[in-house]
Amino acid sequence: MSKAVKIKTQQTTANVEDFVNKVDNEQQRADSFAIIEMMKRISGEEPKMWGTSIIGFGNKKYRSPKTGREVDWFLIGFSPRKANISLYLDIDINKHEDTLQKLGKFKTGVGCLYINKLTDIDQKQLEKLIKTALQNK
């Protein structure tokens, strides 16, 4: 059994709405509020700030497959970054090719989905990916 460790990105008491209202890009700000409502509805969890720039929903113990370390983490989340909106779904995104083909304009990373704006994607397909991520909790 591994020991839980503390990492830099922790849940904070910062106000989510205040954070989103400070997002410079108006489209990204509106999309962030829409994503909050979507994730809140699907997860049944309230949004919380993690670190200074990630909005997370729910809590879990995450065990690194490489090191075996356990950390406190969120179930799903996202961050409005300068370049795009990063969605943290904690799934092997590339194993969902059928959904990705219908999603629209996006990029992927390890467990992350990057979009420029919600109008670039099919939101029903995004909801499907979010629901899949929550099944893996």
C-alpha atoms as a PDB file:
ATOM      1  CA  MET A   1       0.000   0.000   0.000  1.00  0.00           C
ATOM      2  CA  SER A   2       1.428   3.349  -0.984  1.00  0.00           C
ATOM      3  CA  LYS A   3       1.566   6.440   1.121  1.00  0.00           C
ATOM      4  CA  ALA A   4      -0.461   9.504   0.128  1.00  0.00           C
ATOM      5  CA  VAL A   5       1.771  12.427  -0.722  1.00  0.00           C
ATOM      6  CA  LYS A   6       1.090  16.149  -0.952  1.00  0.00           C
ATOM      7  CA  ILE A   7       1.402  17.771  -4.323  1.00  0.00           C
ATOM      8  CA  LYS A   8       1.554  21.412  -5.341  1.00  0.00           C
ATOM      9  CA  THR A   9      -1.961  21.487  -6.829  1.00  0.00           C
ATOM     10  CA  GLN A  10      -4.383  21.254  -3.903  1.00  0.00           C
ATOM     11  CA  GLN A  11      -8.044  22.101  -3.514  1.00  0.00           C
ATOM     12  CA  THR A  12      -8.395  25.677  -2.268  1.00  0.00           C
ATOM     13  CA  THR A  13     -11.145  27.869  -0.873  1.00  0.00           C
ATOM     14  CA  ALA A  14     -10.821  30.414  -3.705  1.00  0.00           C
ATOM     15  CA  ASN A  15     -14.082  31.455  -5.341  1.00  0.00           C
ATOM     16  CA  VAL A  16     -14.680  29.749  -8.707  1.00  0.00           C
ATOM     17  CA  GLU A  17     -16.933  32.515 -10.055  1.00  0.00           C
ATOM     18  CA  ASP A  18     -14.374  35.196  -9.165  1.00  0.00           C
ATOM     19  CA  PHE A  19     -11.678  33.207 -10.968  1.00  0.00           C
ATOM     20  CA  VAL A  20     -13.765  32.775 -14.136  1.00  0.00           C
ATOM     21  CA  ASN A  21     -14.787  36.439 -14.137  1.00  0.00           C
ATOM     22  CA  LYS A  22     -11.067  37.328 -14.346  1.00  0.00           C
ATOM     23  CA  VAL A  23     -10.565  35.328 -17.570  1.00  0.00           C
ATOM     24  CA  ASP A  24      -9.586  37.946 -20.171  1.00  0.00           C
ATOM     25  CA  ASN A  25     -11.061  36.299 -23.246  1.00  0.00           C
ATOM     26  CA  GLU A  26     -14.824  36.918 -23.290  1.00  0.00           C
ATOM     27  CA  GLN A  27     -15.590  33.751 -25.300  1.00  0.00           C
ATOM     28  CA  GLN A  28     -13.479  31.626 -22.954  1.00  0.00           C
ATOM     29  CA  ARG A  29     -15.183  33.186 -19.938  1.00  0.00           C
ATOM     30  CA  ALA A  30     -18.660  32.368 -21.324  1.00  0.00           C
ATOM     31  CA  ASP A  31     -17.545  28.849 -22.298  1.00  0.00           C
ATOM     32  CA  SER A  32     -16.092  28.329 -18.800  1.00  0.00           C
ATOM     33  CA  PHE A  33     -19.421  29.131 -17.175  1.00  0.00           C
ATOM     34  CA  ALA A  34     -21.166  26.756 -19.615  1.00  0.00           C
ATOM     35  CA  ILE A  35     -18.653  23.971 -18.860  1.00  0.00           C
ATOM     36  CA  ILE A  36     -19.137  24.537 -15.125  1.00  0.00           C
ATOM     37  CA  GLU A  37     -22.885  24.060 -15.519  1.00  0.00           C
ATOM     38  CA  MET A  38     -22.385  20.977 -17.711  1.00  0.00           C
ATOM     39  CA  MET A  39     -19.915  19.299 -15.335  1.00  0.00           C
ATOM     40  CA  LYS A  40     -21.997  20.240 -12.298  1.00  0.00           C
ATOM     41  CA  ARG A  41     -25.140  18.749 -13.851  1.00  0.00           C
ATOM     42  CA  ILE A  42     -23.436  15.537 -14.962  1.00  0.00           C
ATOM     43  CA  SER A  43     -21.328  14.963 -11.842  1.00  0.00           C
ATOM     44  CA  GLY A  44     -23.726  16.249  -9.183  1.00  0.00           C
ATOM     45  CA  GLU A  45     -20.676  17.934  -7.612  1.00  0.00           C
ATOM     46  CA  GLU A  46     -19.984  21.597  -6.879  1.00  0.00           C
ATOM     47  CA  PRO A  47     -17.003  23.232  -8.594  1.00  0.00           C
ATOM     48  CA  LYS A  48     -13.906  23.882  -6.471  1.00  0.00           C
ATOM     49  CA  MET A  49     -10.665  25.616  -7.282  1.00  0.00           C
ATOM     50  CA  TRP A  50      -7.560  23.425  -7.414  1.00  0.00           C
ATOM     51  CA  GLY A  51      -4.384  25.434  -7.287  1.00  0.00           C
ATOM     52  CA  THR A  52      -4.686  28.818  -8.941  1.00  0.00           C
ATOM     53  CA  SER A  53      -6.184  27.879 -12.296  1.00  0.00           C
ATOM     54  CA  ILE A  54      -8.008  24.507 -12.324  1.00  0.00           C
ATOM     55  CA  ILE A  55     -11.710  24.038 -11.613  1.00  0.00           C
ATOM     56  CA  GLY A  56     -12.388  20.528 -10.328  1.00  0.00           C
ATOM     57  CA  PHE A  57     -15.482  18.530  -9.437  1.00  0.00           C
ATOM     58  CA  GLY A  58     -15.526  15.836  -6.749  1.00  0.00           C
ATOM     59  CA  ASN A  59     -12.590  14.198  -4.975  1.00  0.00           C
ATOM     60  CA  LYS A  60     -10.706  10.941  -5.291  1.00  0.00           C
ATOM     61  CA  LYS A  61      -7.406   9.319  -4.470  1.00  0.00           C
ATOM     62  CA  TYR A  62      -5.351   9.105  -7.636  1.00  0.00           C
ATOM     63  CA  ARG A  63      -2.616   6.488  -7.808  1.00  0.00           C
ATOM     64  CA  SER A  64       0.159   7.095 -10.304  1.00  0.00           C
ATOM     65  CA  PRO A  65       0.611   4.022 -12.495  1.00  0.00           C
ATOM     66  CA  LYS A  66       4.328   4.844 -12.820  1.00  0.00           C
ATOM     67  CA  THR A  67       5.292   5.571  -9.197  1.00  0.00           C
ATOM     68  CA  GLY A  68       2.423   4.115  -7.175  1.00  0.00           C
ATOM     69  CA  ARG A  69       2.128   7.419  -5.279  1.00  0.00           C
ATOM     70  CA  GLU A  70      -1.342   8.423  -4.148  1.00  0.00           C
ATOM     71  CA  VAL A  71      -2.557  12.012  -4.206  1.00  0.00           C
ATOM     72  CA  ASP A  72      -5.825  13.811  -3.583  1.00  0.00           C
ATOM     73  CA  TRP A  73      -7.303  14.858  -6.915  1.00  0.00           C
ATOM     74  CA  PHE A  74     -10.610  15.785  -8.576  1.00  0.00           C
ATOM     75  CA  LEU A  75     -12.857  13.455 -10.592  1.00  0.00           C
ATOM     76  CA  ILE A  76     -13.162  15.774 -13.605  1.00  0.00           C
ATOM     77  CA  GLY A  77     -12.085  19.327 -14.205  1.00  0.00           C
ATOM     78  CA  PHE A  78     -10.927  21.990 -16.621  1.00  0.00           C
ATOM     79  CA  SER A  79      -8.841  25.109 -16.886  1.00  0.00           C
ATOM     80  CA  PRO A  80      -9.288  28.111 -19.161  1.00  0.00           C
ATOM     81  CA  ARG A  81      -5.700  28.587 -20.391  1.00  0.00           C
ATOM     82  CA  LYS A  82      -4.435  31.312 -22.708  1.00  0.00           C
ATOM     83  CA  ALA A  83      -4.043  28.933 -25.661  1.00  0.00           C
ATOM     84  CA  ASN A  84      -7.216  26.856 -25.112  1.00  0.00           C
ATOM     85  CA  ILE A  85      -9.529  25.255 -22.577  1.00  0.00           C
ATOM     86  CA  SER A  86      -7.943  22.159 -21.051  1.00  0.00           C
ATOM     87  CA  LEU A  87     -10.420  19.482 -19.946  1.00  0.00           C
ATOM     88  CA  TYR A  88      -9.092  16.944 -17.426  1.00  0.00           C
ATOM     89  CA  LEU A  89     -11.094  13.741 -17.775  1.00  0.00           C
ATOM     90  CA  ASP A  90      -8.667  11.115 -16.441  1.00  0.00           C
ATOM     91  CA  ILE A  91      -9.414   8.642 -19.226  1.00  0.00           C
ATOM     92  CA  ASP A  92      -7.262   7.314 -22.040  1.00  0.00           C
ATOM     93  CA  ILE A  93      -8.849   9.722 -24.473  1.00  0.00           C
ATOM     94  CA  ASN A  94      -7.507   7.910 -27.539  1.00  0.00           C
ATOM     95  CA  LYS A  95      -9.509   4.787 -26.641  1.00  0.00           C
ATOM     96  CA  HIS A  96     -12.697   6.716 -27.471  1.00  0.00           C
ATOM     97  CA  GLU A  97     -12.128   7.075 -31.220  1.00  0.00           C
ATOM     98  CA  ASP A  98     -15.851   6.763 -32.117  1.00  0.00           C
ATOM     99  CA  THR A  99     -16.754   9.707 -29.898  1.00  0.00           C
ATOM    100  CA  LEU A 100     -13.708  11.741 -30.935  1.00  0.00           C
ATOM    101  CA  GLN A 101     -14.605  11.370 -34.636  1.00  0.00           C
ATOM    102  CA  LYS A 102     -17.929  13.073 -33.893  1.00  0.00           C
ATOM    103  CA  LEU A 103     -16.543  15.675 -31.464  1.00  0.00           C
ATOM    104  CA  GLY A 104     -15.293  18.379 -33.834  1.00  0.00           C
ATOM    105  CA  LYS A 105     -12.151  20.521 -33.535  1.00  0.00           C
ATOM    106  CA  PHE A 106      -9.880  19.517 -30.627  1.00  0.00           C
ATOM    107  CA  LYS A 107      -6.431  18.279 -29.620  1.00  0.00           C
ATOM    108  CA  THR A 108      -5.581  15.588 -27.087  1.00  0.00           C
ATOM    109  CA  GLY A 109      -2.969  14.905 -24.449  1.00  0.00           C
ATOM    110  CA  VAL A 110      -2.582  12.188 -21.837  1.00  0.00           C
ATOM    111  CA  GLY A 111      -6.024  12.226 -20.195  1.00  0.00           C
ATOM    112  CA  CYS A 112      -6.667  15.769 -21.472  1.00  0.00           C
ATOM    113  CA  LEU A 113      -8.804  17.249 -24.175  1.00  0.00           C
ATOM    114  CA  TYR A 114      -7.983  20.714 -25.509  1.00  0.00           C
ATOM    115  CA  ILE A 115     -10.617  22.873 -27.200  1.00  0.00           C
ATOM    116  CA  ASN A 116     -10.559  26.475 -28.367  1.00  0.00           C
ATOM    117  CA  LYS A 117     -14.268  27.136 -27.838  1.00  0.00           C
ATOM    118  CA  LEU A 118     -17.465  25.194 -27.260  1.00  0.00           C
ATOM    119  CA  THR A 119     -18.860  26.123 -30.681  1.00  0.00           C
ATOM    120  CA  ASP A 120     -15.997  24.112 -32.249  1.00  0.00           C
ATOM    121  CA  ILE A 121     -17.309  20.851 -30.787  1.00  0.00           C
ATOM    122  CA  ASP A 122     -20.431  18.733 -30.467  1.00  0.00           C
ATOM    123  CA  GLN A 123     -21.379  19.269 -26.822  1.00  0.00           C
ATOM    124  CA  LYS A 124     -23.369  16.007 -26.690  1.00  0.00           C
ATOM    125  CA  GLN A 125     -20.147  14.141 -27.499  1.00  0.00           C
ATOM    126  CA  LEU A 126     -18.303  16.108 -24.805  1.00  0.00           C
ATOM    127  CA  GLU A 127     -21.014  15.132 -22.315  1.00  0.00           C
ATOM    128  CA  LYS A 128     -20.523  11.501 -23.343  1.00  0.00           C
ATOM    129  CA  LEU A 129     -16.773  11.745 -22.596  1.00  0.00           C
ATOM    130  CA  ILE A 130     -17.454  13.408 -19.226  1.00  0.00           C
ATOM    131  CA  LYS A 131     -19.894  10.647 -18.276  1.00  0.00           C
ATOM    132  CA  THR A 132     -17.320   8.020 -19.290  1.00  0.00           C
ATOM    133  CA  ALA A 133     -14.690   9.710 -17.126  1.00  0.00           C
ATOM    134  CA  LEU A 134     -17.037   9.688 -14.136  1.00  0.00           C
ATOM    135  CA  GLN A 135     -17.703   5.955 -14.588  1.00  0.00           C
ATOM    136  CA  ASN A 136     -13.983   5.395 -14.040  1.00  0.00           C
ATOM    137  CA  LYS A 137     -13.942   7.082 -10.632  1.00  0.00           C
END
